[in-house]
N, C-alpha and C. Protein backbone atom coordinates (compact mmCIF):
# COMPACT_ATOMS: atom_id res chain seq x y z
N MET A 1 48.10 5.54 153.41
CA MET A 1 49.05 6.16 152.57
C MET A 1 48.62 6.10 151.25
N ASN A 2 48.56 7.21 150.43
CA ASN A 2 48.05 6.97 149.18
C ASN A 2 49.18 6.48 148.31
N GLN A 3 48.63 6.12 146.94
CA GLN A 3 49.46 5.49 146.08
C GLN A 3 50.82 6.37 145.63
N THR A 4 50.44 7.68 145.40
CA THR A 4 51.52 8.65 145.06
C THR A 4 52.51 8.80 146.04
N LYS A 5 52.20 9.02 147.38
CA LYS A 5 53.34 8.95 148.39
C LYS A 5 54.00 7.43 148.48
N LYS A 6 53.24 6.38 148.30
CA LYS A 6 54.08 5.13 148.44
C LYS A 6 55.00 5.15 147.19
N LYS A 7 54.66 5.52 146.09
CA LYS A 7 55.54 5.39 144.74
C LYS A 7 56.83 6.06 145.17
N ARG A 8 56.28 7.16 145.46
CA ARG A 8 57.77 8.20 145.81
C ARG A 8 58.58 7.56 146.74
N GLY A 9 57.97 7.27 147.78
CA GLY A 9 58.74 6.44 148.81
C GLY A 9 59.68 5.36 148.37
N LEU A 10 58.85 4.52 147.58
CA LEU A 10 59.77 3.41 146.95
C LEU A 10 60.85 3.88 145.84
N MET A 11 60.62 4.97 145.27
CA MET A 11 61.67 5.58 144.29
C MET A 11 62.62 6.03 145.14
N ILE A 12 62.55 6.65 146.23
CA ILE A 12 63.66 7.32 147.01
C ILE A 12 64.42 6.08 147.68
N ALA A 13 63.65 5.13 148.00
CA ALA A 13 64.38 4.10 148.82
C ALA A 13 65.12 3.28 147.83
N GLU A 14 64.73 2.86 146.74
CA GLU A 14 65.26 2.09 145.89
C GLU A 14 66.55 3.12 145.21
N SER A 15 66.48 4.39 145.07
CA SER A 15 67.51 5.22 144.45
C SER A 15 68.61 5.29 145.62
N ALA A 16 68.29 5.36 146.86
CA ALA A 16 69.29 5.28 147.90
C ALA A 16 69.95 4.12 147.86
N ILE A 17 69.38 2.94 147.86
CA ILE A 17 70.14 1.73 147.90
C ILE A 17 71.12 1.56 146.63
N MET A 18 70.50 2.02 145.38
CA MET A 18 71.38 2.03 144.28
C MET A 18 72.47 3.00 144.24
N LEU A 19 72.25 4.05 144.90
CA LEU A 19 73.44 4.96 145.00
C LEU A 19 74.58 4.40 145.79
N ALA A 20 73.94 3.72 147.05
CA ALA A 20 74.87 3.13 148.14
C ALA A 20 75.71 2.00 147.12
N LEU A 21 75.07 1.02 146.39
CA LEU A 21 75.58 -0.03 145.74
C LEU A 21 76.60 0.45 144.64
N GLY A 22 76.08 1.67 143.98
CA GLY A 22 76.95 2.01 142.88
C GLY A 22 78.22 2.75 143.48
N THR A 23 78.06 3.44 144.72
CA THR A 23 79.16 4.04 145.22
C THR A 23 80.37 2.94 145.71
N ALA A 24 79.67 1.62 146.33
CA ALA A 24 80.54 0.54 146.87
C ALA A 24 81.19 0.04 145.60
N LEU A 25 80.57 -0.27 144.50
CA LEU A 25 81.18 -0.78 143.24
C LEU A 25 82.04 0.20 142.70
N SER A 26 82.04 1.54 142.67
CA SER A 26 83.09 2.37 142.26
C SER A 26 84.24 2.37 143.22
N LEU A 27 84.41 1.76 144.21
CA LEU A 27 85.52 1.77 144.99
C LEU A 27 86.37 0.47 144.64
N ILE A 28 85.76 -0.63 143.80
CA ILE A 28 86.29 -1.70 143.17
C ILE A 28 86.87 -1.31 141.80
N ALA A 29 88.01 -0.69 141.86
CA ALA A 29 88.65 -0.04 140.58
C ALA A 29 89.94 -0.77 140.08
N PHE A 30 90.00 -1.10 138.83
CA PHE A 30 91.17 -1.66 138.38
C PHE A 30 91.95 -0.73 137.91
N ALA A 31 93.36 -0.55 138.33
CA ALA A 31 94.32 0.46 137.83
C ALA A 31 93.73 1.92 137.82
N PRO A 32 93.38 2.54 138.81
CA PRO A 32 92.79 3.97 138.66
C PRO A 32 93.79 4.79 137.88
N TRP A 33 93.25 5.63 136.95
CA TRP A 33 94.17 6.70 136.19
C TRP A 33 94.78 7.57 137.22
N PRO A 34 95.84 8.30 136.66
CA PRO A 34 96.63 9.01 137.69
C PRO A 34 95.69 10.47 137.93
N ALA A 35 95.05 10.81 136.82
CA ALA A 35 94.45 12.12 137.08
C ALA A 35 92.89 12.12 137.05
N GLY A 36 92.38 10.79 137.64
CA GLY A 36 90.96 10.45 137.62
C GLY A 36 90.63 9.61 136.59
N GLY A 37 89.26 8.79 137.07
CA GLY A 37 88.80 7.83 136.09
C GLY A 37 89.38 6.50 136.13
N SER A 38 88.62 5.47 136.19
CA SER A 38 89.33 4.16 136.23
C SER A 38 87.98 3.07 135.78
N ILE A 39 88.64 1.90 135.53
CA ILE A 39 87.50 0.65 135.11
C ILE A 39 87.07 0.18 136.19
N THR A 40 85.82 0.25 136.46
CA THR A 40 85.22 -0.26 137.90
C THR A 40 84.37 -1.50 137.58
N VAL A 41 83.87 -2.09 138.61
CA VAL A 41 82.94 -3.32 138.49
C VAL A 41 81.44 -2.90 138.06
N PHE A 42 81.26 -2.53 137.09
CA PHE A 42 79.97 -1.99 136.58
C PHE A 42 79.28 -0.92 137.38
N SER A 43 80.17 0.01 138.13
CA SER A 43 79.46 0.90 139.15
C SER A 43 78.56 1.88 138.61
N MET A 44 78.19 2.22 137.24
CA MET A 44 77.15 2.97 136.83
C MET A 44 75.93 2.33 136.69
N LEU A 45 75.83 1.09 136.65
CA LEU A 45 74.73 0.07 136.31
C LEU A 45 73.75 0.47 137.29
N PRO A 46 73.82 0.61 138.80
CA PRO A 46 72.88 0.93 139.46
C PRO A 46 72.11 2.17 139.31
N VAL A 47 72.85 3.21 138.89
CA VAL A 47 72.14 4.50 138.57
C VAL A 47 71.41 4.35 137.14
N LEU A 48 71.77 3.66 136.26
CA LEU A 48 71.21 3.61 135.01
C LEU A 48 70.02 2.74 135.11
N ILE A 49 69.99 1.78 136.02
CA ILE A 49 68.86 1.01 136.23
C ILE A 49 67.67 1.97 136.93
N ILE A 50 68.12 2.80 137.76
CA ILE A 50 67.08 3.72 138.30
C ILE A 50 66.49 4.48 137.08
N ALA A 51 67.33 5.06 136.29
CA ALA A 51 66.88 5.97 135.27
C ALA A 51 65.88 5.14 134.37
N TYR A 52 66.34 3.84 134.02
CA TYR A 52 65.30 2.88 133.16
C TYR A 52 64.11 2.56 134.00
N ARG A 53 64.15 2.25 135.30
CA ARG A 53 62.70 2.19 135.99
C ARG A 53 61.93 3.33 136.05
N TYR A 54 62.60 4.62 136.42
CA TYR A 54 61.72 5.65 136.76
C TYR A 54 61.73 6.94 135.82
N GLY A 55 62.48 6.76 134.82
CA GLY A 55 62.41 7.94 133.68
C GLY A 55 63.63 8.88 133.86
N MET A 56 63.95 9.41 132.81
CA MET A 56 65.18 10.29 132.60
C MET A 56 65.16 11.41 133.66
N LYS A 57 64.09 12.04 133.82
CA LYS A 57 64.27 13.20 134.89
C LYS A 57 64.63 12.82 136.26
N TRP A 58 64.04 11.65 136.62
CA TRP A 58 64.65 11.12 137.93
C TRP A 58 66.07 10.58 137.80
N GLY A 59 66.30 9.96 136.72
CA GLY A 59 67.64 9.52 136.56
C GLY A 59 68.61 10.60 136.46
N PHE A 60 68.41 11.72 135.85
CA PHE A 60 69.16 12.89 135.92
C PHE A 60 69.40 13.21 137.45
N LEU A 61 68.36 13.55 138.10
CA LEU A 61 68.62 13.74 139.49
C LEU A 61 69.57 12.80 140.36
N VAL A 62 69.28 11.60 140.29
CA VAL A 62 69.99 10.53 140.92
C VAL A 62 71.32 10.45 140.21
N GLY A 63 71.53 10.58 138.99
CA GLY A 63 72.99 10.56 138.63
C GLY A 63 73.68 11.78 138.99
N GLY A 64 73.14 13.10 139.06
CA GLY A 64 73.71 14.06 139.55
C GLY A 64 74.36 13.94 141.00
N VAL A 65 73.27 13.31 141.83
CA VAL A 65 73.64 12.94 143.38
C VAL A 65 74.73 12.10 143.28
N TYR A 66 74.82 11.04 142.38
CA TYR A 66 75.85 10.22 142.39
C TYR A 66 77.18 10.93 141.93
N GLY A 67 77.16 11.84 141.23
CA GLY A 67 78.21 12.70 140.65
C GLY A 67 78.67 13.54 141.81
N LEU A 68 77.91 13.98 142.71
CA LEU A 68 78.38 14.71 143.95
C LEU A 68 79.13 13.70 144.88
N ILE A 69 78.58 12.47 144.89
CA ILE A 69 79.30 11.57 145.81
C ILE A 69 80.67 11.17 145.34
N GLN A 70 80.74 10.92 144.08
CA GLN A 70 81.90 10.66 143.29
C GLN A 70 82.92 11.92 143.55
N MET A 71 82.49 13.10 143.29
CA MET A 71 83.23 14.36 143.66
C MET A 71 83.95 14.26 145.03
N VAL A 72 83.26 13.97 145.83
CA VAL A 72 83.63 13.87 147.38
C VAL A 72 84.74 12.91 147.51
N LEU A 73 84.33 11.72 146.83
CA LEU A 73 85.41 10.54 146.90
C LEU A 73 86.73 10.87 145.91
N GLY A 74 86.61 11.85 145.16
CA GLY A 74 87.80 12.11 144.47
C GLY A 74 88.37 13.64 144.56
N LEU A 75 88.19 14.23 145.62
CA LEU A 75 88.45 15.54 145.69
C LEU A 75 89.85 15.92 145.36
N SER A 76 90.71 14.98 145.55
CA SER A 76 91.96 15.11 144.96
C SER A 76 92.23 15.82 143.66
N ALA A 77 91.27 15.36 142.63
CA ALA A 77 91.13 15.85 141.29
C ALA A 77 91.16 17.51 141.22
N LEU A 78 90.42 17.92 142.17
CA LEU A 78 90.33 19.44 142.45
C LEU A 78 91.69 20.13 142.43
N SER A 79 92.71 19.48 143.24
CA SER A 79 93.97 19.87 143.24
C SER A 79 94.66 20.22 141.97
N TYR A 80 94.11 19.83 140.70
CA TYR A 80 94.85 20.20 139.62
C TYR A 80 94.16 21.37 139.04
N ALA A 81 93.19 22.09 139.54
CA ALA A 81 92.56 23.17 138.86
C ALA A 81 93.53 24.33 139.15
N THR A 82 93.83 25.12 138.06
CA THR A 82 94.83 26.13 138.33
C THR A 82 94.20 27.33 138.69
N ASN A 83 92.77 27.45 138.57
CA ASN A 83 92.19 28.83 138.90
C ASN A 83 90.44 28.21 139.23
N ALA A 84 89.74 29.41 139.67
CA ALA A 84 88.41 28.99 139.97
C ALA A 84 87.55 28.52 138.93
N LEU A 85 87.86 28.97 137.57
CA LEU A 85 87.15 28.36 136.46
C LEU A 85 87.15 26.91 136.16
N ALA A 86 88.59 26.59 136.41
CA ALA A 86 88.97 25.21 136.13
C ALA A 86 88.28 24.37 137.15
N ALA A 87 88.28 24.92 138.39
CA ALA A 87 87.69 24.11 139.56
C ALA A 87 86.16 23.91 139.15
N ILE A 88 85.41 25.01 138.78
CA ILE A 88 84.12 24.89 138.30
C ILE A 88 83.86 23.77 137.20
N CYS A 89 84.77 24.01 136.06
CA CYS A 89 84.48 23.03 135.21
C CYS A 89 84.82 21.62 135.45
N ILE A 90 85.60 21.44 136.34
CA ILE A 90 85.96 19.89 137.04
C ILE A 90 84.78 19.45 137.81
N ILE A 91 84.19 20.46 138.61
CA ILE A 91 82.91 19.98 139.40
C ILE A 91 81.76 19.82 138.53
N LEU A 92 81.60 20.57 137.60
CA LEU A 92 80.51 20.43 136.70
C LEU A 92 80.67 19.29 135.65
N PHE A 93 81.70 19.30 134.77
CA PHE A 93 81.93 18.32 133.60
C PHE A 93 82.59 16.99 133.97
N ASP A 94 83.27 16.88 135.08
CA ASP A 94 83.84 15.69 135.57
C ASP A 94 82.82 14.89 136.41
N TYR A 95 82.01 15.67 137.17
CA TYR A 95 81.10 15.00 138.13
C TYR A 95 79.68 15.26 137.87
N VAL A 96 79.08 16.48 138.14
CA VAL A 96 77.64 16.57 138.24
C VAL A 96 77.12 16.47 136.90
N VAL A 97 77.43 17.04 135.89
CA VAL A 97 76.80 17.00 134.49
C VAL A 97 77.34 15.48 133.85
N ALA A 98 78.62 15.09 134.20
CA ALA A 98 78.91 13.67 133.71
C ALA A 98 78.07 12.61 134.15
N PHE A 99 77.97 12.57 135.33
CA PHE A 99 77.24 11.41 135.89
C PHE A 99 75.59 11.82 135.84
N GLY A 100 75.29 13.02 135.87
CA GLY A 100 73.80 13.24 135.45
C GLY A 100 73.38 12.76 134.24
N ALA A 101 74.47 12.77 133.24
CA ALA A 101 74.02 12.08 132.02
C ALA A 101 73.57 10.61 131.97
N LEU A 102 73.85 9.99 133.12
CA LEU A 102 73.46 8.71 133.40
C LEU A 102 71.82 8.58 133.50
N GLY A 103 71.27 9.66 133.49
CA GLY A 103 69.77 9.70 133.28
C GLY A 103 69.22 9.40 132.14
N PHE A 104 70.14 9.38 130.93
CA PHE A 104 69.78 8.98 129.62
C PHE A 104 69.58 7.23 129.46
N GLY A 105 69.85 6.68 130.64
CA GLY A 105 69.61 5.27 130.80
C GLY A 105 68.23 4.89 130.58
N GLY A 106 67.27 5.89 130.70
CA GLY A 106 65.85 5.57 130.44
C GLY A 106 65.35 6.16 129.25
N LEU A 107 66.19 6.51 128.30
CA LEU A 107 65.72 7.18 126.91
C LEU A 107 64.98 6.31 126.18
N PHE A 108 65.47 4.80 126.26
CA PHE A 108 64.75 3.92 125.51
C PHE A 108 63.87 2.99 126.03
N ARG A 109 63.44 3.29 127.19
CA ARG A 109 62.49 2.62 128.04
C ARG A 109 61.35 1.98 127.42
N LYS A 110 60.81 2.64 126.23
CA LYS A 110 59.66 2.03 125.75
C LYS A 110 59.92 1.10 124.36
N VAL A 111 61.18 0.95 124.04
CA VAL A 111 61.49 -0.11 123.26
C VAL A 111 60.97 -1.39 123.66
N LYS A 112 60.37 -2.22 122.93
CA LYS A 112 59.66 -3.52 123.26
C LYS A 112 60.87 -4.46 123.82
N LEU A 113 61.93 -4.73 123.32
CA LEU A 113 62.67 -5.64 123.99
C LEU A 113 63.82 -4.86 124.87
N GLN A 114 63.27 -5.30 126.22
CA GLN A 114 64.04 -4.48 127.32
C GLN A 114 65.61 -4.35 127.20
N PRO A 115 66.33 -5.76 126.87
CA PRO A 115 67.78 -5.48 126.86
C PRO A 115 68.21 -4.67 125.67
N VAL A 116 67.71 -4.57 124.73
CA VAL A 116 67.89 -3.81 123.53
C VAL A 116 67.83 -2.26 124.05
N GLY A 117 66.67 -1.89 124.63
CA GLY A 117 66.36 -0.44 124.97
C GLY A 117 67.46 -0.12 126.06
N PHE A 118 67.50 -0.96 126.99
CA PHE A 118 68.38 -0.70 128.12
C PHE A 118 69.95 -0.30 127.47
N THR A 119 70.36 -1.17 126.67
CA THR A 119 71.65 -1.06 126.14
C THR A 119 71.85 0.19 125.30
N LEU A 120 70.67 0.52 124.43
CA LEU A 120 70.87 1.68 123.76
C LEU A 120 70.95 3.05 124.72
N GLY A 121 70.16 2.97 125.80
CA GLY A 121 70.33 3.96 126.84
C GLY A 121 71.72 4.10 127.48
N VAL A 122 72.26 2.95 127.82
CA VAL A 122 73.65 3.05 128.21
C VAL A 122 74.41 3.45 127.42
N ILE A 123 74.59 3.15 126.02
CA ILE A 123 75.45 3.64 125.09
C ILE A 123 75.16 5.27 124.91
N VAL A 124 74.26 5.75 124.96
CA VAL A 124 73.79 7.19 124.76
C VAL A 124 74.39 7.85 126.20
N ALA A 125 74.05 7.21 127.34
CA ALA A 125 74.67 7.81 128.57
C ALA A 125 76.29 7.86 128.76
N CYS A 126 76.66 6.70 128.35
CA CYS A 126 78.18 6.71 128.31
C CYS A 126 78.84 7.61 127.29
N VAL A 127 78.31 7.72 126.27
CA VAL A 127 78.93 8.55 125.20
C VAL A 127 78.98 10.13 125.64
N LEU A 128 77.67 10.35 126.34
CA LEU A 128 77.61 11.71 126.84
C LEU A 128 78.67 12.14 128.10
N ARG A 129 78.65 10.93 128.82
CA ARG A 129 79.59 11.14 129.95
C ARG A 129 80.97 11.19 129.32
N PHE A 130 81.35 10.54 128.42
CA PHE A 130 82.69 10.61 127.89
C PHE A 130 83.11 11.94 127.26
N LEU A 131 81.90 12.58 126.59
CA LEU A 131 82.10 13.83 126.19
C LEU A 131 82.25 15.09 127.09
N CYS A 132 81.59 14.75 128.31
CA CYS A 132 81.86 15.92 129.38
C CYS A 132 83.42 15.65 129.88
N HIS A 133 83.80 14.36 130.05
CA HIS A 133 85.11 14.14 130.48
C HIS A 133 86.33 14.87 129.34
N PHE A 134 85.80 14.33 128.05
CA PHE A 134 86.58 15.17 127.06
C PHE A 134 86.77 16.57 127.09
N LEU A 135 85.62 17.33 127.35
CA LEU A 135 85.45 18.60 127.32
C LEU A 135 86.48 19.11 128.52
N THR A 136 86.58 18.64 129.68
CA THR A 136 87.43 18.86 130.46
C THR A 136 88.86 18.69 130.23
N GLY A 137 88.90 17.47 129.49
CA GLY A 137 90.50 17.08 129.11
C GLY A 137 91.04 18.13 128.25
N VAL A 138 90.12 18.90 127.37
CA VAL A 138 90.68 19.83 126.38
C VAL A 138 90.92 21.11 127.03
N THR A 139 90.22 21.45 128.16
CA THR A 139 90.13 22.58 128.77
C THR A 139 91.06 22.55 129.94
N VAL A 140 90.75 22.00 131.10
CA VAL A 140 91.40 21.95 132.22
C VAL A 140 92.69 21.15 132.23
N TRP A 141 92.87 19.94 131.53
CA TRP A 141 93.88 19.02 131.70
C TRP A 141 94.96 19.51 130.58
N ALA A 142 94.58 20.53 129.57
CA ALA A 142 95.35 20.86 128.67
C ALA A 142 96.97 21.16 128.58
N ASP A 143 97.39 21.16 129.90
CA ASP A 143 98.75 21.52 130.36
C ASP A 143 99.49 20.01 130.07
N TYR A 144 98.81 19.16 130.09
CA TYR A 144 99.69 17.79 130.02
C TYR A 144 99.81 17.56 128.53
N ALA A 145 99.60 18.01 127.30
CA ALA A 145 99.92 18.04 126.01
C ALA A 145 100.09 19.39 125.38
N GLU A 146 100.77 19.18 124.34
CA GLU A 146 101.20 20.28 123.50
C GLU A 146 100.24 20.65 122.19
N GLY A 147 100.05 21.69 121.81
CA GLY A 147 99.11 22.18 120.64
C GLY A 147 97.80 21.54 120.80
N ILE A 148 96.97 22.25 119.77
CA ILE A 148 95.43 21.66 120.07
C ILE A 148 95.18 20.38 119.59
N TRP A 149 96.05 19.69 118.75
CA TRP A 149 95.95 18.40 118.30
C TRP A 149 96.25 17.43 119.46
N GLY A 150 97.46 17.92 119.84
CA GLY A 150 98.04 17.03 121.13
C GLY A 150 97.05 17.12 122.34
N VAL A 151 96.16 18.02 122.60
CA VAL A 151 95.39 18.18 123.56
C VAL A 151 93.87 17.35 123.34
N ILE A 152 93.71 17.32 122.13
CA ILE A 152 92.62 16.54 121.56
C ILE A 152 92.76 15.02 121.62
N ILE A 153 94.03 14.67 121.07
CA ILE A 153 94.35 13.16 121.15
C ILE A 153 94.63 12.73 122.70
N TYR A 154 95.22 13.53 123.40
CA TYR A 154 95.41 13.30 124.90
C TYR A 154 94.07 13.14 125.53
N SER A 155 93.24 13.91 125.36
CA SER A 155 91.84 13.66 125.99
C SER A 155 90.81 12.58 125.44
N LEU A 156 91.12 12.38 124.20
CA LEU A 156 90.53 11.33 123.53
C LEU A 156 91.01 9.75 124.25
N THR A 157 92.29 9.74 124.15
CA THR A 157 92.97 8.45 124.52
C THR A 157 92.75 8.20 126.08
N TYR A 158 93.22 9.27 126.71
CA TYR A 158 92.99 9.25 128.29
C TYR A 158 91.55 8.76 128.75
N ASN A 159 90.59 9.59 128.23
CA ASN A 159 89.33 9.39 128.77
C ASN A 159 88.68 8.18 128.10
N GLY A 160 89.02 7.83 126.79
CA GLY A 160 88.47 6.81 126.12
C GLY A 160 89.12 5.45 126.50
N SER A 161 90.29 5.46 127.16
CA SER A 161 90.76 4.27 127.82
C SER A 161 90.27 3.62 128.97
N TYR A 162 89.25 4.47 129.52
CA TYR A 162 88.60 3.98 130.81
C TYR A 162 87.12 3.99 130.60
N MET A 163 86.56 4.90 129.58
CA MET A 163 85.11 4.99 129.30
C MET A 163 84.63 3.89 128.37
N LEU A 164 85.57 3.56 127.31
CA LEU A 164 85.08 2.49 126.52
C LEU A 164 84.81 0.90 127.29
N PRO A 165 85.85 0.62 127.99
CA PRO A 165 85.62 -0.63 129.00
C PRO A 165 84.51 -0.34 129.81
N GLU A 166 84.29 0.75 130.37
CA GLU A 166 83.18 0.75 131.21
C GLU A 166 81.93 0.57 130.59
N LEU A 167 81.97 1.17 129.40
CA LEU A 167 80.56 1.07 128.49
C LEU A 167 80.29 -0.34 128.21
N VAL A 168 81.22 -1.12 127.67
CA VAL A 168 81.20 -2.46 127.33
C VAL A 168 80.78 -3.27 128.67
N ILE A 169 81.27 -3.17 129.68
CA ILE A 169 81.13 -3.79 130.82
C ILE A 169 79.68 -3.68 131.41
N THR A 170 79.47 -2.50 131.61
CA THR A 170 77.98 -2.14 132.08
C THR A 170 76.99 -2.62 130.93
N ALA A 171 77.09 -2.34 129.58
CA ALA A 171 75.96 -2.59 128.74
C ALA A 171 75.89 -4.25 128.76
N ALA A 172 77.02 -4.94 128.74
CA ALA A 172 76.91 -6.43 128.94
C ALA A 172 76.22 -6.97 130.11
N VAL A 173 76.67 -6.64 131.44
CA VAL A 173 75.99 -7.04 132.55
C VAL A 173 74.52 -6.48 132.60
N GLY A 174 74.33 -5.19 132.21
CA GLY A 174 73.01 -4.75 132.28
C GLY A 174 72.16 -5.30 131.25
N ALA A 175 72.41 -5.89 130.04
CA ALA A 175 71.68 -6.42 129.04
C ALA A 175 71.27 -8.00 129.58
N VAL A 176 72.30 -8.56 130.55
CA VAL A 176 72.17 -9.97 130.93
C VAL A 176 70.91 -9.76 131.98
N LEU A 177 71.08 -8.89 133.03
CA LEU A 177 70.08 -8.39 133.97
C LEU A 177 68.73 -8.24 133.31
N MET A 178 68.64 -7.38 132.15
CA MET A 178 67.50 -7.24 131.64
C MET A 178 66.79 -8.22 130.81
N SER A 179 67.52 -9.24 130.50
CA SER A 179 67.03 -10.44 130.01
C SER A 179 66.18 -11.29 130.81
N PHE A 180 66.38 -11.18 132.20
CA PHE A 180 65.72 -11.99 133.25
C PHE A 180 64.83 -11.24 133.95
N LEU A 181 64.99 -10.07 134.49
CA LEU A 181 63.93 -9.32 135.31
C LEU A 181 63.25 -8.22 134.49
N ASP A 182 61.95 -8.08 134.81
CA ASP A 182 61.12 -7.02 134.12
C ASP A 182 61.42 -5.66 135.26
N PHE A 183 62.31 -4.69 134.75
CA PHE A 183 62.54 -3.58 135.56
C PHE A 183 61.57 -2.57 135.24
N ARG A 184 60.69 -2.63 134.48
CA ARG A 184 59.68 -1.59 133.69
C ARG A 184 58.45 -1.78 134.95
N SER A 185 58.21 -2.94 135.49
CA SER A 185 57.18 -3.28 136.31
C SER A 185 57.40 -2.49 137.74
N GLU A 186 56.23 -2.18 138.47
CA GLU A 186 56.62 -1.73 139.85
C GLU A 186 57.47 -2.53 140.72
N LYS A 187 57.14 -3.71 140.71
CA LYS A 187 57.86 -4.73 141.47
C LYS A 187 58.65 -5.53 140.50
N LEU A 188 59.94 -5.68 140.98
CA LEU A 188 60.64 -6.53 139.95
C LEU A 188 60.03 -7.88 139.82
N LYS A 189 59.93 -8.56 138.68
CA LYS A 189 59.57 -9.76 138.47
C LYS A 189 60.19 -10.58 137.45
N PRO A 190 60.27 -11.74 137.14
CA PRO A 190 60.89 -12.36 136.08
C PRO A 190 60.30 -11.89 134.75
N LEU A 191 60.88 -11.77 133.82
CA LEU A 191 60.64 -11.19 132.37
C LEU A 191 60.00 -12.36 131.78
N ARG A 192 58.76 -12.22 131.25
CA ARG A 192 57.85 -13.07 130.45
C ARG A 192 58.50 -13.13 129.19
N LYS A 193 58.78 -14.58 128.71
CA LYS A 193 59.51 -14.68 127.48
C LYS A 193 58.21 -14.33 126.35
N ALA A 194 58.68 -13.70 125.28
CA ALA A 194 57.72 -13.43 124.25
C ALA A 194 57.26 -14.90 123.40
N LYS A 195 55.89 -15.16 123.19
CA LYS A 195 55.63 -16.35 122.48
C LYS A 195 55.48 -16.06 121.00
């Protein structure tokens, strides 16, 4: 087997394992919100690690697949759609694009200090995911608030109430992992301390 096929096989296998781990972690949720969203046990971390290890393009793909899995698990959210356009917005911006944004976890892969680079990627990915949910909040879920400012405040507080804790938990646990293991190497190994 040549090196390219071997590396591709490793990427696919690791991604499948991390998708399964992320999905399992997403099921451990603290007080799920009534119209979707929850604080989980760092369920985005496995996908963000894949993006960091293999780059943003691969991360976007794996994040999009993760979004589709989350959509299947949260199909009840589609019952809130009042028309086909609303359903498409929910599918795209609450799932596929929102979780695809986790590919930005690899954005700062070249930063010398691995925990810093990873944390910056987590922040960008989570902010973009939040913006996707915010967008559906002001369009699809607008019936839950009155007036333009009411809709904006509603979407900011609803989506921020679970995305901010998710960002903090994911960044903290990720930074600790990145302090011990070299995720940029082909095979995971202990991170060498700078002298």
